[in-house]
Amino acid sequence: MTVRGAVLAGGASSRFEHRPKGLETVGGRRLLDRVVDALRDATGALPLLIANDPHAAEWRLGLEVMADLVPGTASLGGIYTAVCAGAEPVLVVAWDMPLLTAGLLQALAAGAGGCDVFVPESRGPLGAEPLCAVYGPACAEPIRHCLDRRILHATAFHDMVRVGRMPLADVAEHGVPEELFFNVNDRADLETARALWRAREPQ
């Protein structure tokens, strides 16, 4: 099964002085580049960048950039845009998860058959990570139904589609789940991500 990739680069980055947080660095490389390269290695092609910033096309040459089809609809709107951008299932990843591995993303892409959504389990508040998941074309209409009603949480449409989960034990084969899915929301998180990356490096 062919799976596309898409990077979600939404948000106002108010906690980064309105500088796009994906342009910050971890381990000497930008968050954006780490996520793009992991997706490229997992899918065999450069991902689509979903971004509303007018300068997004300048962030990394060679990436196709697409703005949200339905503006002001948070991460769910970004997922919708990614789904509608092509006919194949799409592996969607938020750009603030710099510790994800290509191996985990490849496993997600490989395991998505027979599902409309394939999401990895985690120890986070939702028990899964909808911003690191595979979405099939059948998700488009249910997501649009939610967007039109301003129901914007990322899993709002899950009861209308077939959802599969990668068990936490399988996720853990690729690393510590809390680290793999660690997302950078503010400066303190950025420093934590840098420390986690340094801990991975050979001594």
N, C-alpha and C. Protein backbone atom coordinates (compact mmCIF):
# COMPACT_ATOMS: atom_id res chain seq x y z
N MET A 1 0.84 -1.20 0.00
CA MET A 1 0.00 0.00 0.00
C MET A 1 0.88 1.25 0.00
N THR A 2 0.59 2.16 -0.91
CA THR A 2 1.32 3.42 -0.97
C THR A 2 0.77 4.40 0.06
N VAL A 3 1.66 4.98 0.83
CA VAL A 3 1.27 5.96 1.84
C VAL A 3 2.06 7.24 1.60
N ARG A 4 1.36 8.34 1.52
CA ARG A 4 1.99 9.66 1.40
C ARG A 4 2.39 10.16 2.79
N GLY A 5 3.15 11.24 2.83
CA GLY A 5 3.48 11.90 4.08
C GLY A 5 3.01 13.34 4.08
N ALA A 6 2.69 13.86 5.25
CA ALA A 6 2.33 15.26 5.38
C ALA A 6 2.78 15.76 6.75
N VAL A 7 3.34 16.95 6.77
CA VAL A 7 3.78 17.60 8.00
C VAL A 7 2.81 18.73 8.33
N LEU A 8 2.28 18.72 9.56
CA LEU A 8 1.39 19.79 10.00
C LEU A 8 2.21 20.87 10.70
N ALA A 9 2.17 22.08 10.16
CA ALA A 9 2.93 23.20 10.72
C ALA A 9 1.99 24.34 11.05
N GLY A 10 1.01 24.04 11.89
CA GLY A 10 0.04 25.07 12.25
C GLY A 10 0.43 25.79 13.54
N GLY A 11 -0.47 26.62 14.01
CA GLY A 11 -0.24 27.33 15.27
C GLY A 11 0.42 28.66 15.06
N ALA A 12 0.19 29.56 16.02
CA ALA A 12 0.72 30.92 15.91
C ALA A 12 2.11 31.06 16.51
N SER A 13 2.62 30.01 17.20
CA SER A 13 3.94 30.05 17.82
C SER A 13 4.10 31.23 18.76
N SER A 14 3.03 31.55 19.49
CA SER A 14 3.08 32.71 20.39
C SER A 14 4.11 32.54 21.49
N ARG A 15 4.41 31.27 21.84
CA ARG A 15 5.41 31.03 22.89
C ARG A 15 6.82 31.01 22.33
N PHE A 16 6.98 31.29 21.04
CA PHE A 16 8.29 31.41 20.41
C PHE A 16 8.42 32.77 19.74
N GLU A 17 7.86 33.79 20.38
CA GLU A 17 7.91 35.16 19.85
C GLU A 17 7.38 35.21 18.42
N HIS A 18 6.42 34.35 18.13
CA HIS A 18 5.77 34.25 16.82
C HIS A 18 6.74 33.82 15.72
N ARG A 19 7.89 33.31 16.10
CA ARG A 19 8.78 32.65 15.14
C ARG A 19 8.31 31.22 14.99
N PRO A 20 8.19 30.70 13.77
CA PRO A 20 7.73 29.32 13.59
C PRO A 20 8.59 28.34 14.38
N LYS A 21 7.95 27.60 15.29
CA LYS A 21 8.75 26.77 16.21
C LYS A 21 9.47 25.64 15.50
N GLY A 22 8.97 25.22 14.36
CA GLY A 22 9.64 24.16 13.63
C GLY A 22 10.99 24.57 13.07
N LEU A 23 11.30 25.86 13.11
CA LEU A 23 12.61 26.34 12.65
C LEU A 23 13.63 26.38 13.78
N GLU A 24 13.20 26.06 15.00
CA GLU A 24 14.14 25.90 16.11
C GLU A 24 14.93 24.61 15.91
N THR A 25 16.05 24.50 16.61
CA THR A 25 16.93 23.36 16.39
C THR A 25 16.99 22.43 17.60
N VAL A 26 17.16 21.16 17.31
CA VAL A 26 17.45 20.11 18.30
C VAL A 26 18.59 19.29 17.73
N GLY A 27 19.66 19.16 18.48
CA GLY A 27 20.81 18.42 17.98
C GLY A 27 21.41 19.03 16.74
N GLY A 28 21.32 20.35 16.63
CA GLY A 28 21.92 21.06 15.50
C GLY A 28 21.12 21.04 14.22
N ARG A 29 19.91 20.47 14.26
CA ARG A 29 19.07 20.45 13.07
C ARG A 29 17.67 20.94 13.43
N ARG A 30 17.02 21.58 12.47
CA ARG A 30 15.69 22.13 12.73
C ARG A 30 14.66 21.02 12.95
N LEU A 31 13.68 21.32 13.80
CA LEU A 31 12.59 20.37 14.03
C LEU A 31 11.95 19.99 12.69
N LEU A 32 11.70 20.97 11.84
CA LEU A 32 11.10 20.71 10.53
C LEU A 32 11.90 19.69 9.75
N ASP A 33 13.21 19.86 9.70
CA ASP A 33 14.04 18.96 8.92
C ASP A 33 14.03 17.55 9.49
N ARG A 34 14.03 17.44 10.80
CA ARG A 34 14.02 16.11 11.41
C ARG A 34 12.73 15.36 11.04
N VAL A 35 11.59 16.06 11.11
CA VAL A 35 10.31 15.40 10.79
C VAL A 35 10.21 15.11 9.30
N VAL A 36 10.59 16.07 8.47
CA VAL A 36 10.55 15.86 7.01
C VAL A 36 11.41 14.66 6.61
N ASP A 37 12.61 14.60 7.14
CA ASP A 37 13.52 13.52 6.74
C ASP A 37 13.04 12.16 7.23
N ALA A 38 12.47 12.12 8.45
CA ALA A 38 11.93 10.85 8.95
C ALA A 38 10.77 10.38 8.07
N LEU A 39 9.91 11.30 7.66
CA LEU A 39 8.80 10.93 6.78
C LEU A 39 9.30 10.51 5.40
N ARG A 40 10.27 11.21 4.90
CA ARG A 40 10.83 10.83 3.58
C ARG A 40 11.42 9.43 3.64
N ASP A 41 12.16 9.13 4.70
CA ASP A 41 12.75 7.81 4.82
C ASP A 41 11.69 6.73 4.99
N ALA A 42 10.58 7.07 5.63
CA ALA A 42 9.52 6.08 5.87
C ALA A 42 8.66 5.83 4.64
N THR A 43 8.42 6.87 3.83
CA THR A 43 7.49 6.75 2.71
C THR A 43 8.17 6.72 1.35
N GLY A 44 9.43 7.11 1.29
CA GLY A 44 10.14 7.11 0.01
C GLY A 44 9.98 8.38 -0.79
N ALA A 45 9.33 9.40 -0.22
CA ALA A 45 9.13 10.66 -0.94
C ALA A 45 9.06 11.80 0.06
N LEU A 46 9.36 13.00 -0.41
CA LEU A 46 9.22 14.16 0.46
C LEU A 46 7.75 14.38 0.80
N PRO A 47 7.47 14.77 2.03
CA PRO A 47 6.07 14.99 2.42
C PRO A 47 5.54 16.34 1.96
N LEU A 48 4.25 16.44 1.99
CA LEU A 48 3.57 17.71 1.80
C LEU A 48 3.67 18.50 3.10
N LEU A 49 3.85 19.81 3.00
CA LEU A 49 3.87 20.67 4.17
C LEU A 49 2.55 21.44 4.24
N ILE A 50 1.79 21.21 5.31
CA ILE A 50 0.54 21.93 5.52
C ILE A 50 0.84 23.11 6.42
N ALA A 51 0.78 24.32 5.87
CA ALA A 51 1.18 25.51 6.62
C ALA A 51 0.43 26.72 6.09
N ASN A 52 0.09 27.61 7.00
CA ASN A 52 -0.62 28.83 6.63
C ASN A 52 0.28 30.06 6.64
N ASP A 53 1.50 29.91 7.11
CA ASP A 53 2.44 31.03 7.15
C ASP A 53 2.78 31.46 5.72
N PRO A 54 2.72 32.74 5.42
CA PRO A 54 3.01 33.19 4.05
C PRO A 54 4.44 32.92 3.60
N HIS A 55 5.33 32.65 4.55
CA HIS A 55 6.72 32.39 4.21
C HIS A 55 7.05 30.90 4.19
N ALA A 56 6.05 30.04 4.32
CA ALA A 56 6.30 28.61 4.47
C ALA A 56 7.08 28.02 3.29
N ALA A 57 6.86 28.53 2.09
CA ALA A 57 7.56 27.99 0.92
C ALA A 57 9.06 28.22 0.99
N GLU A 58 9.49 29.14 1.85
CA GLU A 58 10.91 29.45 1.98
C GLU A 58 11.59 28.57 3.03
N TRP A 59 10.81 27.85 3.83
CA TRP A 59 11.39 27.10 4.95
C TRP A 59 12.29 25.97 4.49
N ARG A 60 11.87 25.26 3.46
CA ARG A 60 12.70 24.18 2.93
C ARG A 60 12.39 24.00 1.45
N LEU A 61 13.38 24.25 0.63
CA LEU A 61 13.18 24.13 -0.81
C LEU A 61 12.86 22.69 -1.17
N GLY A 62 11.98 22.53 -2.14
CA GLY A 62 11.62 21.21 -2.62
C GLY A 62 10.34 20.66 -2.03
N LEU A 63 9.82 21.31 -0.98
CA LEU A 63 8.57 20.86 -0.38
C LEU A 63 7.38 21.55 -1.03
N GLU A 64 6.37 20.78 -1.36
CA GLU A 64 5.11 21.37 -1.77
C GLU A 64 4.39 21.88 -0.52
N VAL A 65 3.86 23.07 -0.58
CA VAL A 65 3.19 23.69 0.57
C VAL A 65 1.72 23.89 0.23
N MET A 66 0.87 23.59 1.19
CA MET A 66 -0.56 23.74 1.01
C MET A 66 -1.16 24.35 2.27
N ALA A 67 -1.95 25.39 2.12
CA ALA A 67 -2.63 26.01 3.25
C ALA A 67 -3.90 25.22 3.59
N ASP A 68 -4.38 25.39 4.82
CA ASP A 68 -5.60 24.71 5.24
C ASP A 68 -6.75 25.02 4.29
N LEU A 69 -7.46 23.98 3.89
CA LEU A 69 -8.64 24.17 3.03
C LEU A 69 -9.76 24.88 3.77
N VAL A 70 -9.84 24.65 5.07
CA VAL A 70 -10.85 25.31 5.91
C VAL A 70 -10.08 26.06 6.99
N PRO A 71 -9.84 27.35 6.81
CA PRO A 71 -9.00 28.09 7.77
C PRO A 71 -9.61 28.12 9.17
N GLY A 72 -8.73 28.22 10.15
CA GLY A 72 -9.16 28.39 11.53
C GLY A 72 -9.76 27.16 12.14
N THR A 73 -9.34 25.97 11.71
CA THR A 73 -9.94 24.73 12.22
C THR A 73 -8.91 23.83 12.91
N ALA A 74 -7.83 24.43 13.41
CA ALA A 74 -6.87 23.76 14.27
C ALA A 74 -6.27 22.53 13.58
N SER A 75 -5.79 21.59 14.37
CA SER A 75 -5.10 20.42 13.81
C SER A 75 -6.02 19.57 12.94
N LEU A 76 -7.30 19.50 13.31
CA LEU A 76 -8.23 18.68 12.52
C LEU A 76 -8.34 19.22 11.11
N GLY A 77 -8.31 20.55 10.97
CA GLY A 77 -8.32 21.13 9.63
C GLY A 77 -7.08 20.78 8.84
N GLY A 78 -5.94 20.68 9.53
CA GLY A 78 -4.72 20.27 8.86
C GLY A 78 -4.79 18.83 8.40
N ILE A 79 -5.34 17.96 9.24
CA ILE A 79 -5.51 16.56 8.85
C ILE A 79 -6.43 16.48 7.63
N TYR A 80 -7.52 17.23 7.66
CA TYR A 80 -8.46 17.25 6.53
C TYR A 80 -7.76 17.66 5.23
N THR A 81 -6.95 18.71 5.31
CA THR A 81 -6.23 19.18 4.14
C THR A 81 -5.29 18.11 3.61
N ALA A 82 -4.59 17.44 4.51
CA ALA A 82 -3.67 16.38 4.10
C ALA A 82 -4.41 15.23 3.42
N VAL A 83 -5.55 14.84 3.98
CA VAL A 83 -6.34 13.75 3.39
C VAL A 83 -6.82 14.12 1.99
N CYS A 84 -7.27 15.35 1.83
CA CYS A 84 -7.84 15.79 0.55
C CYS A 84 -6.79 16.06 -0.52
N ALA A 85 -5.51 16.09 -0.13
CA ALA A 85 -4.45 16.46 -1.08
C ALA A 85 -4.06 15.33 -2.01
N GLY A 86 -4.54 14.12 -1.80
CA GLY A 86 -4.19 13.00 -2.66
C GLY A 86 -5.13 11.84 -2.48
N ALA A 87 -5.00 10.84 -3.34
CA ALA A 87 -5.92 9.71 -3.30
C ALA A 87 -5.47 8.62 -2.33
N GLU A 88 -4.18 8.59 -2.00
CA GLU A 88 -3.66 7.52 -1.14
C GLU A 88 -3.79 7.91 0.33
N PRO A 89 -3.71 6.90 1.23
CA PRO A 89 -3.63 7.22 2.65
C PRO A 89 -2.43 8.13 2.92
N VAL A 90 -2.54 8.92 3.98
CA VAL A 90 -1.48 9.87 4.30
C VAL A 90 -1.05 9.71 5.75
N LEU A 91 0.25 9.66 5.94
CA LEU A 91 0.84 9.62 7.28
C LEU A 91 1.09 11.06 7.70
N VAL A 92 0.33 11.50 8.69
CA VAL A 92 0.35 12.89 9.13
C VAL A 92 1.16 12.99 10.42
N VAL A 93 2.10 13.94 10.45
CA VAL A 93 2.93 14.14 11.63
C VAL A 93 3.03 15.62 11.93
N ALA A 94 2.84 15.99 13.19
CA ALA A 94 3.04 17.38 13.61
C ALA A 94 4.53 17.70 13.57
N TRP A 95 4.85 18.93 13.24
CA TRP A 95 6.26 19.28 13.05
C TRP A 95 7.00 19.54 14.34
N ASP A 96 6.32 19.40 15.48
CA ASP A 96 6.99 19.67 16.75
C ASP A 96 7.36 18.39 17.50
N MET A 97 7.51 17.28 16.78
CA MET A 97 7.91 15.99 17.37
C MET A 97 9.28 15.59 16.81
N PRO A 98 10.34 16.21 17.28
CA PRO A 98 11.65 15.99 16.65
C PRO A 98 12.31 14.66 17.00
N LEU A 99 11.75 13.90 17.94
CA LEU A 99 12.39 12.67 18.37
C LEU A 99 11.77 11.42 17.75
N LEU A 100 10.81 11.60 16.85
CA LEU A 100 10.24 10.47 16.12
C LEU A 100 11.32 9.81 15.27
N THR A 101 11.14 8.51 15.04
CA THR A 101 12.09 7.79 14.19
C THR A 101 11.43 7.34 12.90
N ALA A 102 12.24 7.22 11.86
CA ALA A 102 11.72 6.71 10.59
C ALA A 102 11.20 5.29 10.75
N GLY A 103 11.83 4.52 11.63
CA GLY A 103 11.38 3.15 11.84
C GLY A 103 9.95 3.07 12.35
N LEU A 104 9.62 3.92 13.32
CA LEU A 104 8.25 3.95 13.83
C LEU A 104 7.28 4.38 12.74
N LEU A 105 7.64 5.41 11.99
CA LEU A 105 6.75 5.90 10.94
C LEU A 105 6.57 4.85 9.85
N GLN A 106 7.62 4.14 9.53
CA GLN A 106 7.51 3.07 8.53
C GLN A 106 6.58 1.97 9.03
N ALA A 107 6.68 1.64 10.31
CA ALA A 107 5.80 0.62 10.88
C ALA A 107 4.35 1.06 10.85
N LEU A 108 4.10 2.33 11.10
CA LEU A 108 2.74 2.86 11.02
C LEU A 108 2.21 2.74 9.59
N ALA A 109 3.02 3.13 8.63
CA ALA A 109 2.59 3.05 7.23
C ALA A 109 2.30 1.61 6.82
N ALA A 110 3.14 0.69 7.30
CA ALA A 110 2.97 -0.72 6.93
C ALA A 110 1.76 -1.36 7.60
N GLY A 111 1.36 -0.85 8.75
CA GLY A 111 0.29 -1.48 9.51
C GLY A 111 -1.09 -0.92 9.26
N ALA A 112 -1.20 0.03 8.35
CA ALA A 112 -2.46 0.76 8.20
C ALA A 112 -3.50 0.07 7.34
N GLY A 113 -3.16 -1.04 6.72
CA GLY A 113 -4.13 -1.71 5.85
C GLY A 113 -5.38 -2.15 6.59
N GLY A 114 -6.53 -1.96 5.95
CA GLY A 114 -7.80 -2.37 6.55
C GLY A 114 -8.40 -1.36 7.51
N CYS A 115 -7.72 -0.22 7.69
CA CYS A 115 -8.22 0.82 8.61
C CYS A 115 -8.41 2.13 7.85
N ASP A 116 -9.29 2.97 8.34
CA ASP A 116 -9.39 4.33 7.83
C ASP A 116 -8.46 5.26 8.61
N VAL A 117 -8.25 4.94 9.88
CA VAL A 117 -7.29 5.65 10.73
C VAL A 117 -6.43 4.59 11.41
N PHE A 118 -5.12 4.78 11.40
CA PHE A 118 -4.23 3.89 12.14
C PHE A 118 -3.34 4.77 13.01
N VAL A 119 -3.52 4.63 14.32
CA VAL A 119 -2.92 5.56 15.27
C VAL A 119 -2.11 4.78 16.29
N PRO A 120 -0.94 5.29 16.67
CA PRO A 120 -0.14 4.59 17.67
C PRO A 120 -0.63 4.88 19.09
N GLU A 121 -0.66 3.86 19.91
CA GLU A 121 -1.01 4.07 21.31
C GLU A 121 0.13 4.79 22.03
N SER A 122 -0.24 5.52 23.08
CA SER A 122 0.76 6.24 23.87
C SER A 122 0.28 6.31 25.32
N ARG A 123 1.11 6.89 26.16
CA ARG A 123 0.71 7.11 27.55
C ARG A 123 0.22 8.54 27.76
N GLY A 124 -0.08 9.24 26.67
CA GLY A 124 -0.58 10.60 26.76
C GLY A 124 -2.04 10.62 27.18
N PRO A 125 -2.61 11.81 27.33
CA PRO A 125 -3.98 11.94 27.83
C PRO A 125 -5.04 11.27 26.97
N LEU A 126 -4.80 11.16 25.67
CA LEU A 126 -5.77 10.51 24.78
C LEU A 126 -5.53 9.00 24.67
N GLY A 127 -4.41 8.53 25.16
CA GLY A 127 -4.07 7.12 25.02
C GLY A 127 -3.57 6.76 23.64
N ALA A 128 -3.47 7.74 22.76
CA ALA A 128 -2.99 7.54 21.38
C ALA A 128 -2.53 8.89 20.85
N GLU A 129 -1.87 8.87 19.69
CA GLU A 129 -1.29 10.10 19.13
C GLU A 129 -1.88 10.41 17.75
N PRO A 130 -2.99 11.18 17.72
CA PRO A 130 -3.63 11.46 16.43
C PRO A 130 -2.81 12.37 15.52
N LEU A 131 -1.77 13.03 16.05
CA LEU A 131 -0.92 13.86 15.20
C LEU A 131 0.34 13.13 14.78
N CYS A 132 0.27 11.81 14.84
CA CYS A 132 1.30 10.93 14.26
C CYS A 132 0.55 9.66 13.86
N ALA A 133 -0.20 9.74 12.77
CA ALA A 133 -1.12 8.66 12.42
C ALA A 133 -1.38 8.65 10.93
N VAL A 134 -1.90 7.52 10.46
CA VAL A 134 -2.23 7.35 9.04
C VAL A 134 -3.73 7.54 8.86
N TYR A 135 -4.10 8.34 7.85
CA TYR A 135 -5.51 8.64 7.56
C TYR A 135 -5.81 8.27 6.10
N GLY A 136 -6.86 7.48 5.91
CA GLY A 136 -7.27 7.08 4.58
C GLY A 136 -8.28 8.03 3.96
N PRO A 137 -8.57 7.88 2.68
CA PRO A 137 -9.48 8.79 1.99
C PRO A 137 -10.90 8.79 2.55
N ALA A 138 -11.31 7.69 3.19
CA ALA A 138 -12.65 7.64 3.76
C ALA A 138 -12.84 8.60 4.93
N CYS A 139 -11.74 9.18 5.41
CA CYS A 139 -11.84 10.13 6.53
C CYS A 139 -12.34 11.51 6.08
N ALA A 140 -12.24 11.81 4.81
CA ALA A 140 -12.51 13.18 4.36
C ALA A 140 -13.92 13.64 4.73
N GLU A 141 -14.92 12.87 4.36
CA GLU A 141 -16.30 13.30 4.61
C GLU A 141 -16.62 13.40 6.10
N PRO A 142 -16.26 12.41 6.93
CA PRO A 142 -16.52 12.54 8.36
C PRO A 142 -15.80 13.73 8.99
N ILE A 143 -14.55 13.99 8.57
CA ILE A 143 -13.86 15.16 9.13
C ILE A 143 -14.57 16.44 8.72
N ARG A 144 -14.97 16.53 7.46
CA ARG A 144 -15.66 17.75 7.01
C ARG A 144 -16.95 17.94 7.79
N HIS A 145 -17.65 16.87 8.09
CA HIS A 145 -18.86 16.93 8.91
C HIS A 145 -18.55 17.61 10.25
N CYS A 146 -17.44 17.23 10.86
CA CYS A 146 -17.06 17.83 12.15
C CYS A 146 -16.63 19.28 11.99
N LEU A 147 -15.85 19.56 10.95
CA LEU A 147 -15.39 20.93 10.74
C LEU A 147 -16.56 21.88 10.55
N ASP A 148 -17.54 21.46 9.78
CA ASP A 148 -18.70 22.31 9.50
C ASP A 148 -19.49 22.62 10.77
N ARG A 149 -19.36 21.75 11.76
CA ARG A 149 -20.07 21.94 13.03
C ARG A 149 -19.16 22.47 14.12
N ARG A 150 -17.95 22.84 13.72
CA ARG A 150 -16.95 23.41 14.63
C ARG A 150 -16.63 22.46 15.79
N ILE A 151 -16.63 21.18 15.50
CA ILE A 151 -16.19 20.16 16.46
C ILE A 151 -14.76 19.84 16.05
N LEU A 152 -13.78 20.39 16.76
CA LEU A 152 -12.43 20.46 16.21
C LEU A 152 -11.39 19.59 16.90
N HIS A 153 -11.78 18.81 17.91
CA HIS A 153 -10.74 17.98 18.51
C HIS A 153 -10.33 16.90 17.51
N ALA A 154 -9.07 16.51 17.57
CA ALA A 154 -8.45 15.72 16.50
C ALA A 154 -9.08 14.35 16.31
N THR A 155 -9.76 13.83 17.32
CA THR A 155 -10.39 12.50 17.20
C THR A 155 -11.91 12.61 17.06
N ALA A 156 -12.41 13.78 16.75
CA ALA A 156 -13.86 14.01 16.74
C ALA A 156 -14.62 13.05 15.84
N PHE A 157 -14.00 12.62 14.76
CA PHE A 157 -14.70 11.82 13.74
C PHE A 157 -14.45 10.32 13.88
N HIS A 158 -13.70 9.91 14.87
CA HIS A 158 -13.27 8.51 14.94
C HIS A 158 -14.43 7.52 15.04
N ASP A 159 -15.54 7.94 15.63
CA ASP A 159 -16.65 7.00 15.74
C ASP A 159 -17.39 6.81 14.41
N MET A 160 -16.96 7.53 13.36
CA MET A 160 -17.59 7.41 12.05
C MET A 160 -16.73 6.63 11.05
N VAL A 161 -15.55 6.17 11.49
CA VAL A 161 -14.62 5.47 10.59
C VAL A 161 -14.05 4.25 11.30
N ARG A 162 -13.31 3.44 10.54
CA ARG A 162 -12.65 2.26 11.11
C ARG A 162 -11.30 2.68 11.67
N VAL A 163 -11.13 2.53 12.97
CA VAL A 163 -9.90 2.95 13.63
C VAL A 163 -9.11 1.73 14.10
N GLY A 164 -7.86 1.68 13.71
CA GLY A 164 -6.94 0.66 14.20
C GLY A 164 -5.87 1.30 15.06
N ARG A 165 -5.30 0.53 15.96
CA ARG A 165 -4.27 1.06 16.86
C ARG A 165 -3.02 0.20 16.81
N MET A 166 -1.88 0.85 16.79
CA MET A 166 -0.62 0.15 17.00
C MET A 166 -0.43 0.01 18.50
N PRO A 167 -0.34 -1.22 19.01
CA PRO A 167 -0.21 -1.40 20.46
C PRO A 167 1.02 -0.71 21.02
N LEU A 168 0.91 -0.26 22.26
CA LEU A 168 2.01 0.44 22.90
C LEU A 168 3.27 -0.40 22.91
N ALA A 169 3.13 -1.71 23.08
CA ALA A 169 4.30 -2.58 23.08
C ALA A 169 5.03 -2.53 21.74
N ASP A 170 4.27 -2.41 20.64
CA ASP A 170 4.90 -2.31 19.32
C ASP A 170 5.57 -0.95 19.14
N VAL A 171 4.93 0.10 19.65
CA VAL A 171 5.55 1.43 19.61
C VAL A 171 6.89 1.40 20.34
N ALA A 172 6.90 0.75 21.51
CA ALA A 172 8.10 0.72 22.35
C ALA A 172 9.27 0.00 21.70
N GLU A 173 9.01 -0.79 20.67
CA GLU A 173 10.12 -1.43 19.95
C GLU A 173 10.99 -0.40 19.22
N HIS A 174 10.45 0.80 19.04
CA HIS A 174 11.17 1.85 18.30
C HIS A 174 11.73 2.93 19.22
N GLY A 175 11.54 2.78 20.52
CA GLY A 175 12.04 3.77 21.46
C GLY A 175 11.09 3.96 22.62
N VAL A 176 11.45 4.85 23.51
CA VAL A 176 10.59 5.16 24.66
C VAL A 176 9.42 6.01 24.16
N PRO A 177 8.17 5.54 24.31
CA PRO A 177 7.04 6.29 23.75
C PRO A 177 6.99 7.75 24.19
N GLU A 178 7.26 8.01 25.46
CA GLU A 178 7.21 9.40 25.95
C GLU A 178 8.21 10.29 25.24
N GLU A 179 9.32 9.71 24.79
CA GLU A 179 10.31 10.48 24.05
C GLU A 179 9.94 10.58 22.57
N LEU A 180 9.51 9.46 21.99
CA LEU A 180 9.15 9.47 20.58
C LEU A 180 8.09 10.52 20.27
N PHE A 181 7.10 10.63 21.16
CA PHE A 181 5.98 11.54 20.92
C PHE A 181 6.13 12.87 21.64
N PHE A 182 7.31 13.13 22.19
CA PHE A 182 7.51 14.40 22.90
C PHE A 182 7.34 15.55 21.93
N ASN A 183 6.48 16.49 22.27
CA ASN A 183 6.26 17.62 21.38
C ASN A 183 6.67 18.93 22.05
N VAL A 184 7.16 19.82 21.23
CA VAL A 184 7.74 21.08 21.69
C VAL A 184 6.68 22.18 21.61
N ASN A 185 6.20 22.60 22.79
CA ASN A 185 5.19 23.66 22.83
C ASN A 185 5.76 25.01 23.24
N ASP A 186 6.84 24.99 24.03
CA ASP A 186 7.40 26.25 24.52
C ASP A 186 8.91 26.09 24.69
N ARG A 187 9.55 27.14 25.18
CA ARG A 187 11.01 27.13 25.30
C ARG A 187 11.49 26.04 26.25
N ALA A 188 10.76 25.81 27.33
CA ALA A 188 11.16 24.76 28.27
C ALA A 188 11.12 23.40 27.59
N ASP A 189 10.09 23.16 26.79
CA ASP A 189 10.01 21.89 26.04
C ASP A 189 11.17 21.76 25.07
N LEU A 190 11.54 22.87 24.46
CA LEU A 190 12.65 22.83 23.51
C LEU A 190 13.93 22.39 24.20
N GLU A 191 14.18 22.94 25.39
CA GLU A 191 15.38 22.54 26.13
C GLU A 191 15.30 21.07 26.55
N THR A 192 14.11 20.61 26.91
CA THR A 192 13.95 19.19 27.25
C THR A 192 14.24 18.31 26.04
N ALA A 193 13.73 18.69 24.88
CA ALA A 193 13.98 17.92 23.66
C ALA A 193 15.47 17.88 23.34
N ARG A 194 16.16 18.99 23.55
CA ARG A 194 17.60 19.02 23.30
C ARG A 194 18.34 18.09 24.25
N ALA A 195 17.91 18.08 25.51
CA ALA A 195 18.54 17.19 26.49
C ALA A 195 18.29 15.73 26.15
N LEU A 196 17.06 15.42 25.73
CA LEU A 196 16.75 14.04 25.34
C LEU A 196 17.57 13.62 24.13
N TRP A 197 17.76 14.53 23.19
CA TRP A 197 18.56 14.20 22.01
C TRP A 197 20.02 13.96 22.40
N ARG A 198 20.55 14.80 23.27
CA ARG A 198 21.95 14.62 23.70
C ARG A 198 22.12 13.27 24.40
N ALA A 199 21.11 12.84 25.13
CA ALA A 199 21.19 11.56 25.83
C ALA A 199 21.23 10.38 24.87
N ARG A 200 20.73 10.58 23.65
CA ARG A 200 20.77 9.52 22.63
C ARG A 200 22.12 9.39 21.98
N GLU A 201 22.88 10.47 22.01
CA GLU A 201 24.14 10.49 21.26
C GLU A 201 25.18 9.60 21.94
N PRO A 202 26.01 8.93 21.15
CA PRO A 202 27.08 8.09 21.73
C PRO A 202 28.02 8.93 22.57
N GLN A 203 28.45 8.38 23.68
CA GLN A 203 29.36 9.09 24.57
C GLN A 203 30.81 8.86 24.12
